Amino acid sequence: MIAAMVTACASLLIAVVAYWLNHRGEIRRSLRQARIDRVSSQLRELYGPLLVLTETNEKAWIEYRSRYIQNIGADSAENPLPEQEEARWRIWVEAVFAPTAQSIRELITARGDLIIGEEMPPVVLEFCAHAATYDALLANWSEAGPSKSPLIRHPGSRFLAYVRASYGSLKEEQTLLLKAARGASWVD
């Protein structure tokens, strides 16, 4: 009789421990999958498109600067642009720089919940403020200052560095998470 009671208690204990271990494993799998889903969303919906738009804009700016700005001179922000250069600059602003900046701003506004961290990075806010000033520049081109540039300057390489670093860290994390998930599925 005692042996039967010990056997029953041991069986019950083993069943409870097995249930508890299985439950903990399921929780770990769920948390791992949730993190994989979050990182994948950040890449797919925000940082991937953001990287493409930012890199494209950077390449366009470098090309424009190397072809046209080197000939204008260092004090061009204080002097009116010659008519031909102003026309060329306006075309580039209307066709390339302003639309790309607006697309980036819209992407950040729509998908800001996917930003890495607890707060919006200052460099992202600086870029959005810069993009917003294109609206005023284009609406009142003839009254704009001599340089015909947005009121708030582009944050420069800091913004591109932020986007590149964020995309890179998320890709690295995604790779590690997927590798860990594959390894865990072999064990499970």
C-alpha atoms as a PDB file:
ATOM      1  CA  MET A   1       0.000   0.000   0.000  1.00  0.00           C
ATOM      2  CA  ILE A   2       2.784   2.429   0.891  1.00  0.00           C
ATOM      3  CA  ALA A   3       4.623   1.494  -2.288  1.00  0.00           C
ATOM      4  CA  ALA A   4       1.487   2.290  -4.286  1.00  0.00           C
ATOM      5  CA  MET A   5       1.151   5.671  -2.560  1.00  0.00           C
ATOM      6  CA  VAL A   6       4.814   6.517  -3.214  1.00  0.00           C
ATOM      7  CA  THR A   7       4.438   5.466  -6.832  1.00  0.00           C
ATOM      8  CA  ALA A   8       1.285   7.568  -7.230  1.00  0.00           C
ATOM      9  CA  CYS A   9       2.884  10.597  -5.596  1.00  0.00           C
ATOM     10  CA  ALA A  10       6.032  10.207  -7.692  1.00  0.00           C
ATOM     11  CA  SER A  11       3.951   9.933 -10.854  1.00  0.00           C
ATOM     12  CA  LEU A  12       1.986  13.021  -9.899  1.00  0.00           C
ATOM     13  CA  LEU A  13       5.180  14.923  -9.099  1.00  0.00           C
ATOM     14  CA  ILE A  14       6.741  13.893 -12.424  1.00  0.00           C
ATOM     15  CA  ALA A  15       3.587  14.974 -14.279  1.00  0.00           C
ATOM     16  CA  VAL A  16       3.569  18.377 -12.535  1.00  0.00           C
ATOM     17  CA  VAL A  17       7.295  18.948 -13.200  1.00  0.00           C
ATOM     18  CA  ALA A  18       6.898  17.884 -16.847  1.00  0.00           C
ATOM     19  CA  TYR A  19       3.936  20.236 -17.263  1.00  0.00           C
ATOM     20  CA  TRP A  20       5.845  23.085 -15.620  1.00  0.00           C
ATOM     21  CA  LEU A  21       8.948  22.552 -17.806  1.00  0.00           C
ATOM     22  CA  ASN A  22       6.830  22.319 -20.944  1.00  0.00           C
ATOM     23  CA  HIS A  23       4.950  25.472 -19.971  1.00  0.00           C
ATOM     24  CA  ARG A  24       8.214  27.368 -19.396  1.00  0.00           C
ATOM     25  CA  GLY A  25       9.519  26.172 -22.766  1.00  0.00           C
ATOM     26  CA  GLU A  26       6.354  27.401 -24.476  1.00  0.00           C
ATOM     27  CA  ILE A  27       6.701  30.789 -22.795  1.00  0.00           C
ATOM     28  CA  ARG A  28      10.331  31.064 -23.956  1.00  0.00           C
ATOM     29  CA  ARG A  29       9.337  30.102 -27.503  1.00  0.00           C
ATOM     30  CA  SER A  30       6.515  32.649 -27.498  1.00  0.00           C
ATOM     31  CA  LEU A  31       8.777  35.419 -26.221  1.00  0.00           C
ATOM     32  CA  ARG A  32      11.474  34.522 -28.753  1.00  0.00           C
ATOM     33  CA  GLN A  33       8.911  34.530 -31.576  1.00  0.00           C
ATOM     34  CA  ALA A  34       7.493  37.867 -30.423  1.00  0.00           C
ATOM     35  CA  ARG A  35      10.991  39.375 -30.478  1.00  0.00           C
ATOM     36  CA  ILE A  36      11.662  37.927 -33.940  1.00  0.00           C
ATOM     37  CA  ASP A  37       8.356  39.394 -35.162  1.00  0.00           C
ATOM     38  CA  ARG A  38       9.142  42.812 -33.653  1.00  0.00           C
ATOM     39  CA  VAL A  39      12.640  43.007 -35.142  1.00  0.00           C
ATOM     40  CA  SER A  40      11.358  41.803 -38.519  1.00  0.00           C
ATOM     41  CA  SER A  41       8.643  44.484 -38.468  1.00  0.00           C
ATOM     42  CA  GLN A  42      11.185  47.145 -37.582  1.00  0.00           C
ATOM     43  CA  LEU A  43      13.314  46.116 -40.548  1.00  0.00           C
ATOM     44  CA  ARG A  44      10.503  45.577 -43.048  1.00  0.00           C
ATOM     45  CA  GLU A  45       8.273  48.513 -42.178  1.00  0.00           C
ATOM     46  CA  LEU A  46      10.693  51.211 -41.026  1.00  0.00           C
ATOM     47  CA  TYR A  47      14.447  50.753 -41.118  1.00  0.00           C
ATOM     48  CA  GLY A  48      14.671  48.912 -44.476  1.00  0.00           C
ATOM     49  CA  PRO A  49      12.708  51.551 -46.425  1.00  0.00           C
ATOM     50  CA  LEU A  50      14.372  54.296 -44.379  1.00  0.00           C
ATOM     51  CA  LEU A  51      17.819  53.011 -45.313  1.00  0.00           C
ATOM     52  CA  VAL A  52      16.956  52.836 -49.017  1.00  0.00           C
ATOM     53  CA  LEU A  53      15.499  56.364 -49.070  1.00  0.00           C
ATOM     54  CA  THR A  54      18.351  57.814 -47.009  1.00  0.00           C
ATOM     55  CA  GLU A  55      21.081  56.150 -49.069  1.00  0.00           C
ATOM     56  CA  THR A  56      19.384  57.214 -52.309  1.00  0.00           C
ATOM     57  CA  ASN A  57      19.107  60.792 -51.104  1.00  0.00           C
ATOM     58  CA  GLU A  58      22.741  60.766 -49.964  1.00  0.00           C
ATOM     59  CA  LYS A  59      23.970  59.530 -53.337  1.00  0.00           C
ATOM     60  CA  ALA A  60      21.891  62.162 -55.157  1.00  0.00           C
ATOM     61  CA  TRP A  61      23.230  64.903 -52.871  1.00  0.00           C
ATOM     62  CA  ILE A  62      26.855  63.794 -53.329  1.00  0.00           C
ATOM     63  CA  GLU A  63      26.425  63.769 -57.102  1.00  0.00           C
ATOM     64  CA  TYR A  64      24.702  67.163 -57.143  1.00  0.00           C
ATOM     65  CA  ARG A  65      27.327  68.688 -54.860  1.00  0.00           C
ATOM     66  CA  SER A  66      30.261  67.309 -56.841  1.00  0.00           C
ATOM     67  CA  ARG A  67      28.877  68.534 -60.159  1.00  0.00           C
ATOM     68  CA  TYR A  68      27.392  71.883 -59.286  1.00  0.00           C
ATOM     69  CA  ILE A  69      28.219  73.273 -55.854  1.00  0.00           C
ATOM     70  CA  GLN A  70      31.998  73.206 -56.232  1.00  0.00           C
ATOM     71  CA  ASN A  71      31.626  75.916 -58.883  1.00  0.00           C
ATOM     72  CA  ILE A  72      29.397  78.219 -56.818  1.00  0.00           C
ATOM     73  CA  GLY A  73      31.813  79.207 -54.066  1.00  0.00           C
ATOM     74  CA  ALA A  74      31.900  79.005 -50.294  1.00  0.00           C
ATOM     75  CA  ASP A  75      29.816  82.103 -49.549  1.00  0.00           C
ATOM     76  CA  SER A  76      26.843  81.101 -51.714  1.00  0.00           C
ATOM     77  CA  ALA A  77      24.504  80.983 -48.699  1.00  0.00           C
ATOM     78  CA  GLU A  78      24.820  84.756 -48.353  1.00  0.00           C
ATOM     79  CA  ASN A  79      24.761  85.654 -52.050  1.00  0.00           C
ATOM     80  CA  PRO A  80      21.925  85.045 -54.486  1.00  0.00           C
ATOM     81  CA  LEU A  81      22.389  82.091 -56.777  1.00  0.00           C
ATOM     82  CA  PRO A  82      22.980  82.954 -60.424  1.00  0.00           C
ATOM     83  CA  GLU A  83      19.789  82.458 -62.442  1.00  0.00           C
ATOM     84  CA  GLN A  84      20.903  79.254 -64.182  1.00  0.00           C
ATOM     85  CA  GLU A  85      22.118  77.679 -60.922  1.00  0.00           C
ATOM     86  CA  GLU A  86      18.938  78.694 -59.100  1.00  0.00           C
ATOM     87  CA  ALA A  87      16.849  77.036 -61.819  1.00  0.00           C
ATOM     88  CA  ARG A  88      18.927  73.872 -61.587  1.00  0.00           C
ATOM     89  CA  TRP A  89      18.735  73.887 -57.764  1.00  0.00           C
ATOM     90  CA  ARG A  90      14.953  74.350 -57.857  1.00  0.00           C
ATOM     91  CA  ILE A  91      14.559  71.367 -60.188  1.00  0.00           C
ATOM     92  CA  TRP A  92      16.645  69.190 -57.864  1.00  0.00           C
ATOM     93  CA  VAL A  93      14.758  70.410 -54.788  1.00  0.00           C
ATOM     94  CA  GLU A  94      11.346  69.854 -56.385  1.00  0.00           C
ATOM     95  CA  ALA A  95      12.163  66.543 -58.085  1.00  0.00           C
ATOM     96  CA  VAL A  96      14.643  64.852 -55.738  1.00  0.00           C
ATOM     97  CA  PHE A  97      15.442  66.362 -52.350  1.00  0.00           C
ATOM     98  CA  ALA A  98      12.032  67.570 -51.147  1.00  0.00           C
ATOM     99  CA  PRO A  99      10.059  64.480 -52.260  1.00  0.00           C
ATOM    100  CA  THR A 100      12.599  62.122 -50.706  1.00  0.00           C
ATOM    101  CA  ALA A 101      12.672  64.128 -47.471  1.00  0.00           C
ATOM    102  CA  GLN A 102       8.861  64.118 -47.371  1.00  0.00           C
ATOM    103  CA  SER A 103       8.782  60.343 -47.941  1.00  0.00           C
ATOM    104  CA  ILE A 104      11.251  59.826 -45.110  1.00  0.00           C
ATOM    105  CA  ARG A 105       9.254  62.101 -42.808  1.00  0.00           C
ATOM    106  CA  GLU A 106       5.985  60.334 -43.670  1.00  0.00           C
ATOM    107  CA  LEU A 107       7.594  56.953 -43.045  1.00  0.00           C
ATOM    108  CA  ILE A 108       8.890  58.059 -39.655  1.00  0.00           C
ATOM    109  CA  THR A 109       5.548  59.611 -38.750  1.00  0.00           C
ATOM    110  CA  ALA A 110       3.567  56.521 -39.784  1.00  0.00           C
ATOM    111  CA  ARG A 111       5.953  53.951 -38.281  1.00  0.00           C
ATOM    112  CA  GLY A 112       7.434  55.870 -35.348  1.00  0.00           C
ATOM    113  CA  ASP A 113       6.306  53.138 -32.970  1.00  0.00           C
ATOM    114  CA  LEU A 114       8.980  50.909 -34.527  1.00  0.00           C
ATOM    115  CA  ILE A 115      11.841  53.256 -33.620  1.00  0.00           C
ATOM    116  CA  ILE A 116      14.545  51.561 -31.555  1.00  0.00           C
ATOM    117  CA  GLY A 117      14.551  52.684 -27.934  1.00  0.00           C
ATOM    118  CA  GLU A 118      12.146  54.385 -25.591  1.00  0.00           C
ATOM    119  CA  GLU A 119      12.334  57.880 -27.116  1.00  0.00           C
ATOM    120  CA  MET A 120      12.523  59.395 -30.570  1.00  0.00           C
ATOM    121  CA  PRO A 121      16.209  60.072 -31.305  1.00  0.00           C
ATOM    122  CA  PRO A 122      16.975  63.814 -31.583  1.00  0.00           C
ATOM    123  CA  VAL A 123      18.637  63.353 -34.991  1.00  0.00           C
ATOM    124  CA  VAL A 124      15.391  61.861 -36.341  1.00  0.00           C
ATOM    125  CA  LEU A 125      13.414  64.842 -35.063  1.00  0.00           C
ATOM    126  CA  GLU A 126      15.989  67.202 -36.599  1.00  0.00           C
ATOM    127  CA  PHE A 127      15.576  65.490 -39.957  1.00  0.00           C
ATOM    128  CA  CYS A 128      11.776  65.690 -39.759  1.00  0.00           C
ATOM    129  CA  ALA A 129      11.975  69.404 -38.954  1.00  0.00           C
ATOM    130  CA  HIS A 130      14.298  69.873 -41.935  1.00  0.00           C
ATOM    131  CA  ALA A 131      11.882  67.990 -44.207  1.00  0.00           C
ATOM    132  CA  ALA A 132       8.964  70.117 -43.000  1.00  0.00           C
ATOM    133  CA  THR A 133      10.713  73.335 -44.035  1.00  0.00           C
ATOM    134  CA  TYR A 134      10.793  72.215 -47.667  1.00  0.00           C
ATOM    135  CA  ASP A 135       7.032  72.899 -47.760  1.00  0.00           C
ATOM    136  CA  ALA A 136       7.577  76.561 -46.937  1.00  0.00           C
ATOM    137  CA  LEU A 137      10.537  76.855 -49.302  1.00  0.00           C
ATOM    138  CA  LEU A 138       8.599  75.474 -52.254  1.00  0.00           C
ATOM    139  CA  ALA A 139       5.455  77.437 -51.432  1.00  0.00           C
ATOM    140  CA  ASN A 140       7.346  80.722 -51.444  1.00  0.00           C
ATOM    141  CA  TRP A 141      10.384  80.124 -53.646  1.00  0.00           C
ATOM    142  CA  SER A 142      10.651  83.689 -54.935  1.00  0.00           C
ATOM    143  CA  GLU A 143      10.722  85.131 -51.409  1.00  0.00           C
ATOM    144  CA  ALA A 144      13.181  82.572 -50.009  1.00  0.00           C
ATOM    145  CA  GLY A 145      16.633  83.686 -48.941  1.00  0.00           C
ATOM    146  CA  PRO A 146      19.583  83.969 -51.307  1.00  0.00           C
ATOM    147  CA  SER A 147      20.568  80.313 -51.003  1.00  0.00           C
ATOM    148  CA  LYS A 148      17.022  79.062 -51.625  1.00  0.00           C
ATOM    149  CA  SER A 149      17.587  76.373 -49.011  1.00  0.00           C
ATOM    150  CA  PRO A 150      15.276  75.025 -46.289  1.00  0.00           C
ATOM    151  CA  LEU A 151      15.142  77.076 -43.118  1.00  0.00           C
ATOM    152  CA  ILE A 152      16.295  74.148 -40.966  1.00  0.00           C
ATOM    153  CA  ARG A 153      19.449  72.473 -42.194  1.00  0.00           C
ATOM    154  CA  HIS A 154      19.739  68.762 -42.819  1.00  0.00           C
ATOM    155  CA  PRO A 155      21.421  67.055 -39.828  1.00  0.00           C
ATOM    156  CA  GLY A 156      24.061  65.777 -42.228  1.00  0.00           C
ATOM    157  CA  SER A 157      26.002  62.581 -41.783  1.00  0.00           C
ATOM    158  CA  ARG A 158      24.601  62.043 -38.269  1.00  0.00           C
ATOM    159  CA  PHE A 159      21.212  61.057 -39.711  1.00  0.00           C
ATOM    160  CA  LEU A 160      22.675  58.658 -42.258  1.00  0.00           C
ATOM    161  CA  ALA A 161      24.943  57.173 -39.567  1.00  0.00           C
ATOM    162  CA  TYR A 162      21.938  56.651 -37.280  1.00  0.00           C
ATOM    163  CA  VAL A 163      19.936  54.896 -40.007  1.00  0.00           C
ATOM    164  CA  ARG A 164      22.858  52.697 -41.070  1.00  0.00           C
ATOM    165  CA  ALA A 165      23.746  51.728 -37.492  1.00  0.00           C
ATOM    166  CA  SER A 166      20.121  51.011 -36.564  1.00  0.00           C
ATOM    167  CA  TYR A 167      19.534  48.881 -39.644  1.00  0.00           C
ATOM    168  CA  GLY A 168      22.799  47.019 -39.070  1.00  0.00           C
ATOM    169  CA  SER A 169      22.106  46.297 -35.406  1.00  0.00           C
ATOM    170  CA  LEU A 170      18.595  45.074 -36.191  1.00  0.00           C
ATOM    171  CA  LYS A 171      19.852  42.793 -38.989  1.00  0.00           C
ATOM    172  CA  GLU A 172      22.467  41.386 -36.635  1.00  0.00           C
ATOM    173  CA  GLU A 173      19.878  40.814 -33.914  1.00  0.00           C
ATOM    174  CA  GLN A 174      17.494  39.212 -36.412  1.00  0.00           C
ATOM    175  CA  THR A 175      20.205  36.832 -37.592  1.00  0.00           C
ATOM    176  CA  LEU A 176      21.051  35.817 -34.021  1.00  0.00           C
ATOM    177  CA  LEU A 177      17.390  35.367 -33.085  1.00  0.00           C
ATOM    178  CA  LEU A 178      16.657  33.230 -36.142  1.00  0.00           C
ATOM    179  CA  LYS A 179      19.759  31.134 -35.535  1.00  0.00           C
ATOM    180  CA  ALA A 180      18.757  30.633 -31.894  1.00  0.00           C
ATOM    181  CA  ALA A 181      15.196  29.761 -32.919  1.00  0.00           C
ATOM    182  CA  ARG A 182      16.454  27.166 -35.417  1.00  0.00           C
ATOM    183  CA  GLY A 183      18.753  25.702 -32.771  1.00  0.00           C
ATOM    184  CA  ALA A 184      15.947  25.628 -30.208  1.00  0.00           C
ATOM    185  CA  SER A 185      13.568  23.940 -32.643  1.00  0.00           C
ATOM    186  CA  TRP A 186      16.064  21.109 -33.105  1.00  0.00           C
ATOM    187  CA  VAL A 187      16.178  20.648 -29.337  1.00  0.00           C
ATOM    188  CA  ASP A 188      12.409  21.000 -28.781  1.00  0.00           C
END
